[in-house]
C-alpha cells in the first residue's frame, strides 16, 4: 500500500472505532453517528474509487485493441 492509502485506511478505521466507542459515552450520540457515517463514507469512496479505476483500465484496453 502507498502512504496515502495507509492514511486513508487509518482515518476510516479510527473514525468507525470512535463512532462505536462514543455510543457508550453519555451525551455523545450525535458525535457517534457523525464519526460512524464519516467512516462509512470514506470506505464507500474508496470502493467507488477502485471501481472507477478498474473501469478506466478496461476502457483503455478496449480502445487499444481496435
Protein backbone atom coordinates (compact mmCIF):
# COMPACT_ATOMS: atom_id res chain seq x y z
CA UNK A 1 0.00 0.00 0.00
CA UNK A 2 1.12 3.50 -0.66
CA UNK A 3 1.48 6.03 2.11
CA UNK A 4 -1.72 7.78 1.01
CA UNK A 5 -3.72 4.54 1.20
CA UNK A 6 -2.35 3.79 4.68
CA UNK A 7 -3.53 7.18 5.92
CA UNK A 8 -6.88 6.66 4.18
CA UNK A 9 -7.40 3.30 5.95
CA UNK A 10 -6.21 4.67 9.30
CA UNK A 11 -8.66 7.58 9.19
CA UNK A 12 -11.56 5.35 8.14
CA UNK A 13 -10.92 2.69 10.80
CA UNK A 14 -10.27 5.26 13.55
CA UNK A 15 -13.44 7.13 12.65
CA UNK A 16 -15.55 3.97 12.79
CA UNK A 17 -13.99 2.87 16.10
CA UNK A 18 -14.66 6.29 17.63
CA UNK A 19 -18.23 6.05 16.36
CA UNK A 20 -18.73 2.79 18.24
CA UNK A 21 -16.93 3.99 21.39
CA UNK A 22 -18.91 7.25 21.59
CA UNK A 23 -22.17 5.28 21.71
CA UNK A 24 -21.35 4.32 25.28
CA UNK A 25 -20.41 7.84 26.42
CA UNK A 26 -23.32 9.83 27.82
CA UNK A 27 -24.24 12.80 25.60
CA UNK A 28 -22.04 11.77 22.66
CA UNK A 29 -24.65 10.05 20.47
CA UNK A 30 -24.54 12.77 17.81
CA UNK A 31 -20.74 12.53 17.62
CA UNK A 32 -21.04 8.76 17.45
CA UNK A 33 -23.37 8.92 14.48
CA UNK A 34 -21.22 11.55 12.78
CA UNK A 35 -17.97 9.61 13.16
CA UNK A 36 -19.55 6.35 12.05
CA UNK A 37 -21.14 7.94 8.98
CA UNK A 38 -17.87 9.66 8.05
CA UNK A 39 -16.04 6.34 8.34
CA UNK A 40 -18.59 4.56 6.19
CA UNK A 41 -18.49 7.34 3.57
CA UNK A 42 -14.70 7.08 3.39
CA UNK A 43 -14.93 3.32 2.89
CA UNK A 44 -17.58 3.71 0.18
CA UNK A 45 -15.49 6.39 -1.54
CA UNK A 46 -12.52 4.03 -1.58
CA UNK A 47 -14.64 1.25 -3.10
CA UNK A 48 -16.10 3.55 -5.76
CA UNK A 49 -12.60 4.88 -6.50
CA UNK A 50 -11.41 1.31 -7.10
CA UNK A 51 -14.33 0.56 -9.41
CA UNK A 52 -13.69 3.75 -11.37
CA UNK A 53 -10.02 2.80 -11.78
CA UNK A 54 -10.98 -0.67 -12.97
CA UNK A 55 -13.46 0.78 -15.50
CA UNK A 56 -10.83 3.18 -16.81
CA UNK A 57 -8.32 0.36 -17.31
CA UNK A 58 -10.89 -1.81 -19.11
CA UNK A 59 -11.89 1.10 -21.35
CA UNK A 60 -8.26 1.79 -22.26
CA UNK A 61 -7.64 -1.87 -23.09
CA UNK A 62 -10.75 -1.95 -25.30
CA UNK A 63 -9.57 1.19 -27.09
CA UNK A 64 -6.11 -0.26 -27.73
CA UNK A 65 -7.50 -3.48 -29.21
CA UNK A 66 -9.18 -1.74 -32.13
